[in-house]
Amino acid sequence: MPSRSISIKEEVYKQLDSYRLKNESFSETIKRLLDSNADILDLAGSWKKISDVEPAVDIVEKVVKKIHEEENDIKLI
């Protein structure tokens, strides 16, 4: 498979490196991160399928809070 060279700032390199899994190449990391955002629309309408949304809302709030806490530990671009 052909490859391309790209230039990124050191700060971006360090951030990308922090997302890499063990034995994962940078290309695999970038692909995984890009693919992870592609499926968000698959969740559209999911709330309608849940009869008692209160426990689900609690879980979502905890997840969002955790994400925000982790984002504060990572220097964003």
N, C-alpha and C. Protein backbone atom coordinates (compact mmCIF):
# COMPACT_ATOMS: atom_id res chain seq x y z
N MET A 1 0.85 -1.18 0.00
CA MET A 1 0.00 0.00 0.00
C MET A 1 0.90 1.24 0.00
N PRO A 2 0.61 2.20 -0.86
CA PRO A 2 1.42 3.43 -0.89
C PRO A 2 1.27 4.21 0.42
N SER A 3 2.27 5.00 0.71
CA SER A 3 2.21 5.83 1.92
C SER A 3 2.57 7.26 1.57
N ARG A 4 2.21 8.16 2.47
CA ARG A 4 2.50 9.60 2.32
C ARG A 4 3.17 10.08 3.59
N SER A 5 4.02 11.05 3.42
CA SER A 5 4.65 11.69 4.58
C SER A 5 3.91 12.99 4.86
N ILE A 6 3.67 13.25 6.14
CA ILE A 6 3.03 14.50 6.54
C ILE A 6 3.86 15.14 7.63
N SER A 7 3.69 16.42 7.79
CA SER A 7 4.40 17.16 8.82
C SER A 7 3.39 17.62 9.87
N ILE A 8 3.70 17.33 11.15
CA ILE A 8 2.84 17.79 12.24
C ILE A 8 3.72 18.43 13.31
N LYS A 9 3.14 19.32 14.06
CA LYS A 9 3.88 19.99 15.14
C LYS A 9 4.16 18.98 16.25
N GLU A 10 5.21 19.23 17.00
CA GLU A 10 5.61 18.35 18.10
C GLU A 10 4.47 18.14 19.10
N GLU A 11 3.76 19.19 19.39
CA GLU A 11 2.63 19.13 20.32
C GLU A 11 1.57 18.14 19.82
N VAL A 12 1.28 18.17 18.54
CA VAL A 12 0.29 17.28 17.93
C VAL A 12 0.82 15.85 17.94
N TYR A 13 2.10 15.69 17.65
CA TYR A 13 2.72 14.37 17.68
C TYR A 13 2.58 13.73 19.07
N LYS A 14 2.86 14.50 20.10
CA LYS A 14 2.77 13.98 21.47
C LYS A 14 1.33 13.60 21.82
N GLN A 15 0.39 14.42 21.38
CA GLN A 15 -1.01 14.12 21.66
C GLN A 15 -1.43 12.85 20.93
N LEU A 16 -1.06 12.74 19.66
CA LEU A 16 -1.39 11.55 18.88
C LEU A 16 -0.74 10.32 19.49
N ASP A 17 0.50 10.46 19.91
CA ASP A 17 1.22 9.35 20.53
C ASP A 17 0.52 8.89 21.81
N SER A 18 -0.08 9.81 22.55
CA SER A 18 -0.78 9.44 23.78
C SER A 18 -2.05 8.63 23.51
N TYR A 19 -2.59 8.74 22.29
CA TYR A 19 -3.78 7.98 21.91
C TYR A 19 -3.45 6.60 21.34
N ARG A 20 -2.17 6.38 21.03
CA ARG A 20 -1.78 5.10 20.43
C ARG A 20 -1.93 3.96 21.41
N LEU A 21 -2.44 2.85 20.91
CA LEU A 21 -2.52 1.63 21.70
C LEU A 21 -1.19 0.89 21.57
N LYS A 22 -0.96 -0.04 22.47
CA LYS A 22 0.28 -0.81 22.42
C LYS A 22 0.39 -1.53 21.07
N ASN A 23 1.55 -1.46 20.45
CA ASN A 23 1.83 -2.09 19.15
C ASN A 23 0.99 -1.53 18.01
N GLU A 24 0.47 -0.33 18.14
CA GLU A 24 -0.34 0.28 17.08
C GLU A 24 0.51 1.33 16.35
N SER A 25 0.46 1.31 15.03
CA SER A 25 1.18 2.31 14.25
C SER A 25 0.42 3.64 14.30
N PHE A 26 1.10 4.71 13.91
CA PHE A 26 0.42 6.00 13.86
C PHE A 26 -0.72 5.98 12.84
N SER A 27 -0.51 5.31 11.72
CA SER A 27 -1.57 5.20 10.71
C SER A 27 -2.79 4.49 11.28
N GLU A 28 -2.56 3.41 12.01
CA GLU A 28 -3.66 2.68 12.63
C GLU A 28 -4.37 3.54 13.67
N THR A 29 -3.61 4.31 14.42
CA THR A 29 -4.20 5.20 15.43
C THR A 29 -5.09 6.24 14.78
N ILE A 30 -4.57 6.90 13.74
CA ILE A 30 -5.35 7.92 13.05
C ILE A 30 -6.61 7.32 12.47
N LYS A 31 -6.50 6.16 11.84
CA LYS A 31 -7.67 5.49 11.24
C LYS A 31 -8.70 5.16 12.32
N ARG A 32 -8.24 4.62 13.45
CA ARG A 32 -9.16 4.26 14.54
C ARG A 32 -9.88 5.49 15.07
N LEU A 33 -9.15 6.57 15.27
CA LEU A 33 -9.76 7.80 15.78
C LEU A 33 -10.75 8.40 14.79
N LEU A 34 -10.41 8.38 13.52
CA LEU A 34 -11.33 8.90 12.50
C LEU A 34 -12.58 8.03 12.39
N ASP A 35 -12.39 6.72 12.40
CA ASP A 35 -13.53 5.80 12.30
C ASP A 35 -14.43 5.86 13.52
N SER A 36 -13.87 6.15 14.69
CA SER A 36 -14.67 6.17 15.91
C SER A 36 -15.72 7.28 15.89
N ASN A 37 -15.49 8.34 15.13
CA ASN A 37 -16.45 9.44 15.04
C ASN A 37 -17.46 9.26 13.92
N ALA A 38 -17.25 8.29 13.06
CA ALA A 38 -18.10 8.13 11.88
C ALA A 38 -19.46 7.52 12.21
N ASP A 39 -19.60 6.83 13.33
CA ASP A 39 -20.83 6.09 13.62
C ASP A 39 -21.80 6.84 14.53
N ILE A 40 -21.58 8.08 14.83
CA ILE A 40 -22.43 8.82 15.76
C ILE A 40 -23.87 8.91 15.27
N LEU A 41 -24.07 9.02 13.97
CA LEU A 41 -25.43 9.11 13.43
C LEU A 41 -26.21 7.81 13.59
N ASP A 42 -25.50 6.70 13.77
CA ASP A 42 -26.18 5.42 14.00
C ASP A 42 -26.99 5.45 15.31
N LEU A 43 -26.66 6.36 16.20
CA LEU A 43 -27.36 6.46 17.48
C LEU A 43 -28.63 7.31 17.42
N ALA A 44 -28.84 7.97 16.30
CA ALA A 44 -30.02 8.84 16.15
C ALA A 44 -31.29 8.04 16.41
N GLY A 45 -32.15 8.57 17.27
CA GLY A 45 -33.42 7.93 17.58
C GLY A 45 -33.34 6.85 18.66
N SER A 46 -32.18 6.60 19.18
CA SER A 46 -32.01 5.54 20.18
C SER A 46 -32.80 5.79 21.45
N TRP A 47 -32.94 7.07 21.84
CA TRP A 47 -33.66 7.39 23.08
C TRP A 47 -35.11 6.95 23.00
N LYS A 48 -35.70 6.94 21.82
CA LYS A 48 -37.10 6.54 21.68
C LYS A 48 -37.30 5.07 22.03
N LYS A 49 -36.25 4.27 21.93
CA LYS A 49 -36.35 2.83 22.18
C LYS A 49 -36.25 2.50 23.67
N ILE A 50 -35.90 3.48 24.50
CA ILE A 50 -35.71 3.24 25.93
C ILE A 50 -36.96 3.68 26.68
N SER A 51 -37.59 2.74 27.39
CA SER A 51 -38.84 3.07 28.09
C SER A 51 -38.59 3.92 29.34
N ASP A 52 -37.57 3.60 30.11
CA ASP A 52 -37.24 4.37 31.31
C ASP A 52 -35.88 5.04 31.08
N VAL A 53 -35.92 6.29 30.64
CA VAL A 53 -34.69 6.98 30.24
C VAL A 53 -33.87 7.50 31.42
N GLU A 54 -34.45 7.57 32.59
CA GLU A 54 -33.74 8.16 33.73
C GLU A 54 -32.41 7.47 34.04
N PRO A 55 -32.36 6.13 34.14
CA PRO A 55 -31.06 5.49 34.38
C PRO A 55 -30.07 5.75 33.23
N ALA A 56 -30.58 5.78 32.01
CA ALA A 56 -29.70 6.04 30.86
C ALA A 56 -29.14 7.45 30.91
N VAL A 57 -29.97 8.41 31.31
CA VAL A 57 -29.53 9.80 31.41
C VAL A 57 -28.43 9.91 32.47
N ASP A 58 -28.60 9.22 33.58
CA ASP A 58 -27.58 9.23 34.63
C ASP A 58 -26.24 8.70 34.11
N ILE A 59 -26.30 7.62 33.35
CA ILE A 59 -25.08 7.03 32.79
C ILE A 59 -24.42 8.00 31.81
N VAL A 60 -25.22 8.59 30.94
CA VAL A 60 -24.69 9.53 29.95
C VAL A 60 -24.04 10.72 30.65
N GLU A 61 -24.68 11.24 31.68
CA GLU A 61 -24.11 12.37 32.42
C GLU A 61 -22.76 12.00 33.04
N LYS A 62 -22.66 10.78 33.58
CA LYS A 62 -21.39 10.34 34.17
C LYS A 62 -20.31 10.21 33.11
N VAL A 63 -20.68 9.68 31.95
CA VAL A 63 -19.72 9.52 30.85
C VAL A 63 -19.24 10.88 30.37
N VAL A 64 -20.17 11.81 30.18
CA VAL A 64 -19.81 13.15 29.71
C VAL A 64 -18.89 13.84 30.73
N LYS A 65 -19.21 13.69 32.01
CA LYS A 65 -18.37 14.29 33.05
C LYS A 65 -16.96 13.70 33.00
N LYS A 66 -16.86 12.39 32.83
CA LYS A 66 -15.56 11.71 32.74
C LYS A 66 -14.77 12.21 31.53
N ILE A 67 -15.45 12.36 30.40
CA ILE A 67 -14.79 12.85 29.19
C ILE A 67 -14.24 14.25 29.41
N HIS A 68 -15.05 15.11 30.04
CA HIS A 68 -14.59 16.48 30.30
C HIS A 68 -13.40 16.50 31.26
N GLU A 69 -13.41 15.62 32.25
CA GLU A 69 -12.28 15.54 33.18
C GLU A 69 -11.01 15.12 32.44
N GLU A 70 -11.15 14.13 31.54
CA GLU A 70 -9.99 13.65 30.78
C GLU A 70 -9.51 14.72 29.81
N GLU A 71 -10.44 15.48 29.21
CA GLU A 71 -10.04 16.53 28.28
C GLU A 71 -9.23 17.60 28.99
N ASN A 72 -9.54 17.85 30.25
CA ASN A 72 -8.79 18.85 31.01
C ASN A 72 -7.35 18.39 31.26
N ASP A 73 -7.13 17.07 31.21
CA ASP A 73 -5.79 16.53 31.40
C ASP A 73 -5.00 16.48 30.10
N ILE A 74 -5.67 16.68 28.96
CA ILE A 74 -5.03 16.61 27.64
C ILE A 74 -5.03 18.01 27.04
N LYS A 75 -3.90 18.43 26.57
CA LYS A 75 -3.83 19.73 25.91
C LYS A 75 -4.41 19.58 24.51
N LEU A 76 -5.54 20.23 24.26
CA LEU A 76 -6.19 20.11 22.97
C LEU A 76 -5.56 21.04 21.96
N ILE A 77 -5.72 20.68 20.69
CA ILE A 77 -5.17 21.48 19.59
C ILE A 77 -5.94 22.77 19.48
